[in-house]
Amino acid sequence: AALAGEAAMTDRVARICAERERVSEALLRLGAQVVPSEANFVLFTPPGIDGAEAWRRLVERSVLVRDVSSWRGTEGRLRVTIGTPAENDAFLAALGEILRAPAAPGGQPAGEPAGARR
């Protein structure tokens, strides 16, 4: 039983590593700056948008990442934990949507009510 548990753990670690690499590569294709990682998360700077604003817009889409943009040494960055392929796909799709969304006149992102605060 112990060997079966070890094999399952080895398989789980391999899947997380593969997903981490896939997510990192997708973030790079989106133009993000990605910090190399050996962990079960990826630290990145979203392109063209403040990390805190990207976090807020991800939350609006029910996608949760860690906002570390105000932490010393990680200014402007977000941290995404590697999940299942479906969870990672949802994160990448939401981030891609945010990055492609044009700003409306007056600096408000498209789809936000006029007078919404940032």
N, C-alpha and C. Protein backbone atom coordinates (compact mmCIF):
# COMPACT_ATOMS: atom_id res chain seq x y z
N ALA A 1 0.83 -1.19 0.00
CA ALA A 1 0.00 0.00 0.00
C ALA A 1 0.87 1.25 0.00
N ALA A 2 1.99 1.21 0.70
CA ALA A 2 2.87 2.38 0.76
C ALA A 2 3.43 2.70 -0.62
N LEU A 3 3.78 1.66 -1.39
CA LEU A 3 4.31 1.89 -2.73
C LEU A 3 3.25 2.47 -3.65
N ALA A 4 2.00 2.04 -3.49
CA ALA A 4 0.92 2.59 -4.30
C ALA A 4 0.72 4.07 -3.99
N GLY A 5 0.82 4.43 -2.72
CA GLY A 5 0.70 5.83 -2.32
C GLY A 5 1.83 6.67 -2.88
N GLU A 6 3.03 6.09 -2.88
CA GLU A 6 4.18 6.81 -3.43
C GLU A 6 4.03 7.00 -4.93
N ALA A 7 3.55 5.99 -5.62
CA ALA A 7 3.34 6.09 -7.07
C ALA A 7 2.28 7.14 -7.39
N ALA A 8 1.22 7.18 -6.59
CA ALA A 8 0.16 8.17 -6.80
C ALA A 8 0.71 9.58 -6.59
N MET A 9 1.53 9.75 -5.56
CA MET A 9 2.12 11.07 -5.28
C MET A 9 3.06 11.48 -6.42
N THR A 10 3.87 10.56 -6.89
CA THR A 10 4.78 10.85 -8.00
C THR A 10 4.00 11.26 -9.24
N ASP A 11 2.89 10.58 -9.50
CA ASP A 11 2.05 10.91 -10.65
C ASP A 11 1.44 12.30 -10.47
N ARG A 12 0.95 12.60 -9.27
CA ARG A 12 0.34 13.90 -8.99
C ARG A 12 1.36 15.03 -9.18
N VAL A 13 2.57 14.84 -8.68
CA VAL A 13 3.62 15.85 -8.82
C VAL A 13 3.95 16.06 -10.30
N ALA A 14 4.03 14.98 -11.06
CA ALA A 14 4.33 15.10 -12.50
C ALA A 14 3.23 15.88 -13.22
N ARG A 15 1.97 15.64 -12.85
CA ARG A 15 0.85 16.36 -13.49
C ARG A 15 0.89 17.84 -13.12
N ILE A 16 1.20 18.15 -11.88
CA ILE A 16 1.30 19.55 -11.46
C ILE A 16 2.44 20.25 -12.20
N CYS A 17 3.57 19.58 -12.32
CA CYS A 17 4.72 20.17 -13.02
C CYS A 17 4.37 20.44 -14.49
N ALA A 18 3.71 19.48 -15.13
CA ALA A 18 3.32 19.65 -16.53
C ALA A 18 2.33 20.81 -16.67
N GLU A 19 1.36 20.90 -15.77
CA GLU A 19 0.39 21.99 -15.82
C GLU A 19 1.06 23.33 -15.54
N ARG A 20 1.99 23.36 -14.60
CA ARG A 20 2.71 24.60 -14.30
C ARG A 20 3.44 25.10 -15.53
N GLU A 21 4.06 24.20 -16.25
CA GLU A 21 4.77 24.56 -17.48
C GLU A 21 3.79 25.06 -18.54
N ARG A 22 2.66 24.39 -18.68
CA ARG A 22 1.66 24.79 -19.67
C ARG A 22 1.10 26.17 -19.34
N VAL A 23 0.78 26.41 -18.08
CA VAL A 23 0.24 27.71 -17.66
C VAL A 23 1.29 28.79 -17.86
N SER A 24 2.52 28.53 -17.49
CA SER A 24 3.61 29.51 -17.65
C SER A 24 3.78 29.88 -19.12
N GLU A 25 3.77 28.89 -19.99
CA GLU A 25 3.92 29.15 -21.43
C GLU A 25 2.73 29.95 -21.97
N ALA A 26 1.53 29.63 -21.51
CA ALA A 26 0.34 30.38 -21.94
C ALA A 26 0.40 31.82 -21.47
N LEU A 27 0.87 32.03 -20.24
CA LEU A 27 1.01 33.39 -19.72
C LEU A 27 2.02 34.19 -20.55
N LEU A 28 3.11 33.55 -20.91
CA LEU A 28 4.11 34.20 -21.76
C LEU A 28 3.51 34.58 -23.10
N ARG A 29 2.70 33.70 -23.69
CA ARG A 29 2.05 33.99 -24.98
C ARG A 29 1.09 35.18 -24.85
N LEU A 30 0.52 35.36 -23.66
CA LEU A 30 -0.37 36.49 -23.42
C LEU A 30 0.41 37.78 -23.17
N GLY A 31 1.73 37.67 -23.07
CA GLY A 31 2.57 38.85 -22.86
C GLY A 31 2.94 39.11 -21.42
N ALA A 32 2.59 38.21 -20.53
CA ALA A 32 2.91 38.38 -19.11
C ALA A 32 4.40 38.12 -18.86
N GLN A 33 4.91 38.75 -17.82
CA GLN A 33 6.24 38.41 -17.32
C GLN A 33 6.03 37.32 -16.28
N VAL A 34 6.74 36.22 -16.44
CA VAL A 34 6.56 35.06 -15.56
C VAL A 34 7.86 34.80 -14.81
N VAL A 35 7.74 34.64 -13.50
CA VAL A 35 8.90 34.30 -12.67
C VAL A 35 9.05 32.78 -12.70
N PRO A 36 10.25 32.27 -13.03
CA PRO A 36 10.44 30.82 -13.03
C PRO A 36 10.04 30.21 -11.69
N SER A 37 9.41 29.04 -11.73
CA SER A 37 8.87 28.44 -10.52
C SER A 37 9.15 26.94 -10.47
N GLU A 38 9.39 26.47 -9.27
CA GLU A 38 9.49 25.04 -8.99
C GLU A 38 8.36 24.63 -8.05
N ALA A 39 7.46 25.56 -7.76
CA ALA A 39 6.38 25.34 -6.79
C ALA A 39 5.08 24.99 -7.50
N ASN A 40 4.01 24.90 -6.73
CA ASN A 40 2.69 24.59 -7.30
C ASN A 40 1.93 25.88 -7.62
N PHE A 41 2.65 26.96 -7.83
CA PHE A 41 2.05 28.22 -8.24
C PHE A 41 2.99 28.95 -9.19
N VAL A 42 2.43 29.96 -9.88
CA VAL A 42 3.20 30.78 -10.80
C VAL A 42 2.99 32.24 -10.43
N LEU A 43 4.07 32.97 -10.30
CA LEU A 43 4.05 34.40 -10.02
C LEU A 43 4.23 35.11 -11.35
N PHE A 44 3.33 36.07 -11.66
CA PHE A 44 3.41 36.73 -12.96
C PHE A 44 2.95 38.18 -12.87
N THR A 45 3.40 38.97 -13.84
CA THR A 45 2.97 40.35 -13.99
C THR A 45 2.11 40.42 -15.25
N PRO A 46 0.84 40.76 -15.11
CA PRO A 46 0.00 40.85 -16.30
C PRO A 46 0.42 42.05 -17.16
N PRO A 47 0.36 41.90 -18.48
CA PRO A 47 0.80 42.99 -19.35
C PRO A 47 -0.26 44.08 -19.50
N GLY A 48 0.16 45.32 -19.40
CA GLY A 48 -0.72 46.43 -19.71
C GLY A 48 -1.82 46.72 -18.70
N ILE A 49 -1.78 46.08 -17.55
CA ILE A 49 -2.80 46.31 -16.53
C ILE A 49 -2.17 46.09 -15.17
N ASP A 50 -2.54 46.93 -14.23
CA ASP A 50 -2.05 46.81 -12.86
C ASP A 50 -2.49 45.47 -12.27
N GLY A 51 -1.64 44.83 -11.50
CA GLY A 51 -1.98 43.55 -10.90
C GLY A 51 -3.24 43.59 -10.06
N ALA A 52 -3.41 44.64 -9.27
CA ALA A 52 -4.61 44.75 -8.42
C ALA A 52 -5.87 44.87 -9.27
N GLU A 53 -5.79 45.61 -10.37
CA GLU A 53 -6.93 45.76 -11.27
C GLU A 53 -7.23 44.44 -11.97
N ALA A 54 -6.19 43.73 -12.40
CA ALA A 54 -6.40 42.41 -13.03
C ALA A 54 -7.04 41.46 -12.03
N TRP A 55 -6.58 41.50 -10.77
CA TRP A 55 -7.16 40.65 -9.73
C TRP A 55 -8.65 40.94 -9.58
N ARG A 56 -9.01 42.23 -9.49
CA ARG A 56 -10.41 42.62 -9.32
C ARG A 56 -11.26 42.11 -10.48
N ARG A 57 -10.75 42.24 -11.68
CA ARG A 57 -11.51 41.82 -12.86
C ARG A 57 -11.60 40.30 -12.96
N LEU A 58 -10.59 39.59 -12.47
CA LEU A 58 -10.67 38.13 -12.41
C LEU A 58 -11.72 37.69 -11.40
N VAL A 59 -11.75 38.34 -10.23
CA VAL A 59 -12.74 38.02 -9.21
C VAL A 59 -14.15 38.22 -9.76
N GLU A 60 -14.35 39.29 -10.53
CA GLU A 60 -15.66 39.53 -11.15
C GLU A 60 -16.09 38.37 -12.04
N ARG A 61 -15.12 37.62 -12.53
CA ARG A 61 -15.38 36.46 -13.39
C ARG A 61 -15.30 35.15 -12.60
N SER A 62 -15.32 35.26 -11.28
CA SER A 62 -15.28 34.10 -10.36
C SER A 62 -13.99 33.30 -10.48
N VAL A 63 -12.90 33.99 -10.81
CA VAL A 63 -11.58 33.35 -10.87
C VAL A 63 -10.74 33.94 -9.74
N LEU A 64 -10.28 33.08 -8.85
CA LEU A 64 -9.52 33.53 -7.70
C LEU A 64 -8.04 33.24 -7.87
N VAL A 65 -7.25 34.29 -7.73
CA VAL A 65 -5.80 34.19 -7.69
C VAL A 65 -5.37 35.02 -6.48
N ARG A 66 -4.13 34.93 -6.11
CA ARG A 66 -3.63 35.71 -4.97
C ARG A 66 -3.08 37.03 -5.48
N ASP A 67 -3.60 38.12 -4.93
CA ASP A 67 -3.10 39.46 -5.26
C ASP A 67 -1.90 39.74 -4.38
N VAL A 68 -0.71 39.69 -4.94
CA VAL A 68 0.51 40.00 -4.20
C VAL A 68 1.11 41.30 -4.71
N SER A 69 0.30 42.06 -5.45
CA SER A 69 0.79 43.28 -6.10
C SER A 69 1.26 44.35 -5.12
N SER A 70 0.79 44.30 -3.88
CA SER A 70 1.20 45.31 -2.90
C SER A 70 2.28 44.79 -1.95
N TRP A 71 2.69 43.55 -2.11
CA TRP A 71 3.72 42.99 -1.24
C TRP A 71 5.09 43.49 -1.67
N ARG A 72 5.94 43.74 -0.72
CA ARG A 72 7.31 44.17 -1.02
C ARG A 72 8.02 43.10 -1.86
N GLY A 73 8.55 43.53 -2.98
CA GLY A 73 9.28 42.61 -3.86
C GLY A 73 8.42 41.94 -4.92
N THR A 74 7.10 42.08 -4.82
CA THR A 74 6.22 41.47 -5.82
C THR A 74 5.24 42.51 -6.38
N GLU A 75 5.65 43.76 -6.36
CA GLU A 75 4.79 44.84 -6.82
C GLU A 75 4.25 44.55 -8.23
N GLY A 76 2.93 44.74 -8.38
CA GLY A 76 2.29 44.57 -9.68
C GLY A 76 2.02 43.14 -10.09
N ARG A 77 2.34 42.17 -9.23
CA ARG A 77 2.23 40.76 -9.62
C ARG A 77 1.03 40.07 -8.99
N LEU A 78 0.69 38.96 -9.62
CA LEU A 78 -0.33 38.05 -9.12
C LEU A 78 0.28 36.67 -9.00
N ARG A 79 -0.32 35.84 -8.15
CA ARG A 79 0.15 34.46 -7.98
C ARG A 79 -1.04 33.54 -8.23
N VAL A 80 -0.87 32.64 -9.19
CA VAL A 80 -1.93 31.67 -9.49
C VAL A 80 -1.45 30.28 -9.07
N THR A 81 -2.29 29.60 -8.32
CA THR A 81 -2.01 28.23 -7.91
C THR A 81 -2.38 27.30 -9.05
N ILE A 82 -1.54 26.32 -9.31
CA ILE A 82 -1.81 25.37 -10.38
C ILE A 82 -2.90 24.42 -9.91
N GLY A 83 -3.95 24.33 -10.70
CA GLY A 83 -5.08 23.46 -10.38
C GLY A 83 -5.23 22.38 -11.43
N THR A 84 -6.46 21.97 -11.63
CA THR A 84 -6.74 20.98 -12.67
C THR A 84 -6.63 21.65 -14.03
N PRO A 85 -6.49 20.88 -15.09
CA PRO A 85 -6.46 21.50 -16.42
C PRO A 85 -7.69 22.38 -16.67
N ALA A 86 -8.86 21.96 -16.25
CA ALA A 86 -10.08 22.75 -16.45
C ALA A 86 -10.01 24.06 -15.68
N GLU A 87 -9.54 24.02 -14.44
CA GLU A 87 -9.40 25.24 -13.64
C GLU A 87 -8.38 26.19 -14.27
N ASN A 88 -7.28 25.64 -14.72
CA ASN A 88 -6.25 26.46 -15.35
C ASN A 88 -6.75 27.06 -16.66
N ASP A 89 -7.51 26.29 -17.42
CA ASP A 89 -8.09 26.81 -18.66
C ASP A 89 -9.05 27.96 -18.37
N ALA A 90 -9.86 27.83 -17.33
CA ALA A 90 -10.80 28.89 -16.96
C ALA A 90 -10.03 30.16 -16.58
N PHE A 91 -8.97 30.02 -15.81
CA PHE A 91 -8.13 31.16 -15.44
C PHE A 91 -7.54 31.83 -16.68
N LEU A 92 -6.95 31.03 -17.56
CA LEU A 92 -6.30 31.59 -18.76
C LEU A 92 -7.31 32.26 -19.68
N ALA A 93 -8.50 31.67 -19.81
CA ALA A 93 -9.54 32.27 -20.65
C ALA A 93 -9.99 33.61 -20.07
N ALA A 94 -10.19 33.65 -18.76
CA ALA A 94 -10.62 34.90 -18.11
C ALA A 94 -9.54 35.97 -18.23
N LEU A 95 -8.30 35.59 -18.01
CA LEU A 95 -7.22 36.57 -18.13
C LEU A 95 -7.11 37.07 -19.56
N GLY A 96 -7.21 36.17 -20.52
CA GLY A 96 -7.16 36.57 -21.92
C GLY A 96 -8.28 37.53 -22.26
N GLU A 97 -9.46 37.27 -21.74
CA GLU A 97 -10.61 38.16 -21.96
C GLU A 97 -10.34 39.54 -21.38
N ILE A 98 -9.79 39.58 -20.19
CA ILE A 98 -9.48 40.86 -19.54
C ILE A 98 -8.45 41.63 -20.35
N LEU A 99 -7.42 40.95 -20.81
CA LEU A 99 -6.35 41.62 -21.54
C LEU A 99 -6.81 42.11 -22.91
N ARG A 100 -7.80 41.46 -23.50
CA ARG A 100 -8.31 41.88 -24.82
C ARG A 100 -9.40 42.93 -24.72
N ALA A 101 -9.98 43.11 -23.53
CA ALA A 101 -11.10 44.05 -23.36
C ALA A 101 -10.61 45.48 -23.55
N PRO A 102 -11.18 46.18 -24.52
CA PRO A 102 -10.76 47.57 -24.71
C PRO A 102 -11.30 48.44 -23.59
N ALA A 103 -10.57 49.48 -23.28
CA ALA A 103 -11.06 50.45 -22.29
C ALA A 103 -12.10 51.32 -22.97
N ALA A 104 -13.15 51.59 -22.27
CA ALA A 104 -14.21 52.46 -22.79
C ALA A 104 -13.76 53.91 -22.65
N PRO A 105 -14.43 54.83 -23.33
CA PRO A 105 -14.08 56.24 -23.16
C PRO A 105 -14.13 56.62 -21.68
N GLY A 106 -13.20 57.45 -21.28
CA GLY A 106 -13.14 57.86 -19.88
C GLY A 106 -12.31 56.92 -19.03
N GLY A 107 -11.69 55.91 -19.66
CA GLY A 107 -10.81 55.01 -18.94
C GLY A 107 -11.48 53.84 -18.27
N GLN A 108 -12.82 53.76 -18.30
CA GLN A 108 -13.51 52.62 -17.71
C GLN A 108 -13.41 51.43 -18.65
N PRO A 109 -13.08 50.26 -18.15
CA PRO A 109 -13.07 49.07 -19.00
C PRO A 109 -14.47 48.84 -19.60
N ALA A 110 -14.48 48.36 -20.81
CA ALA A 110 -15.76 48.08 -21.48
C ALA A 110 -16.61 47.15 -20.61
N GLY A 111 -17.91 47.41 -20.58
CA GLY A 111 -18.80 46.56 -19.82
C GLY A 111 -19.01 47.00 -18.40
N GLU A 112 -18.26 48.00 -17.91
CA GLU A 112 -18.46 48.50 -16.56
C GLU A 112 -19.36 49.71 -16.62
N PRO A 113 -20.24 49.85 -15.65
CA PRO A 113 -21.12 51.02 -15.65
C PRO A 113 -20.33 52.30 -15.48
N ALA A 114 -20.79 53.35 -16.14
CA ALA A 114 -20.16 54.66 -15.96
C ALA A 114 -20.26 55.01 -14.49
N GLY A 115 -19.24 55.58 -13.96
CA GLY A 115 -19.23 55.95 -12.55
C GLY A 115 -18.72 54.83 -11.65
N ALA A 116 -18.46 53.64 -12.21
CA ALA A 116 -17.89 52.56 -11.38
C ALA A 116 -16.51 52.99 -10.94
N ARG A 117 -16.19 52.67 -9.72
CA ARG A 117 -14.88 53.07 -9.19
C ARG A 117 -13.89 51.97 -9.40
N ARG A 118 -12.66 52.37 -9.60
CA ARG A 118 -11.56 51.42 -9.75
C ARG A 118 -10.87 51.23 -8.45
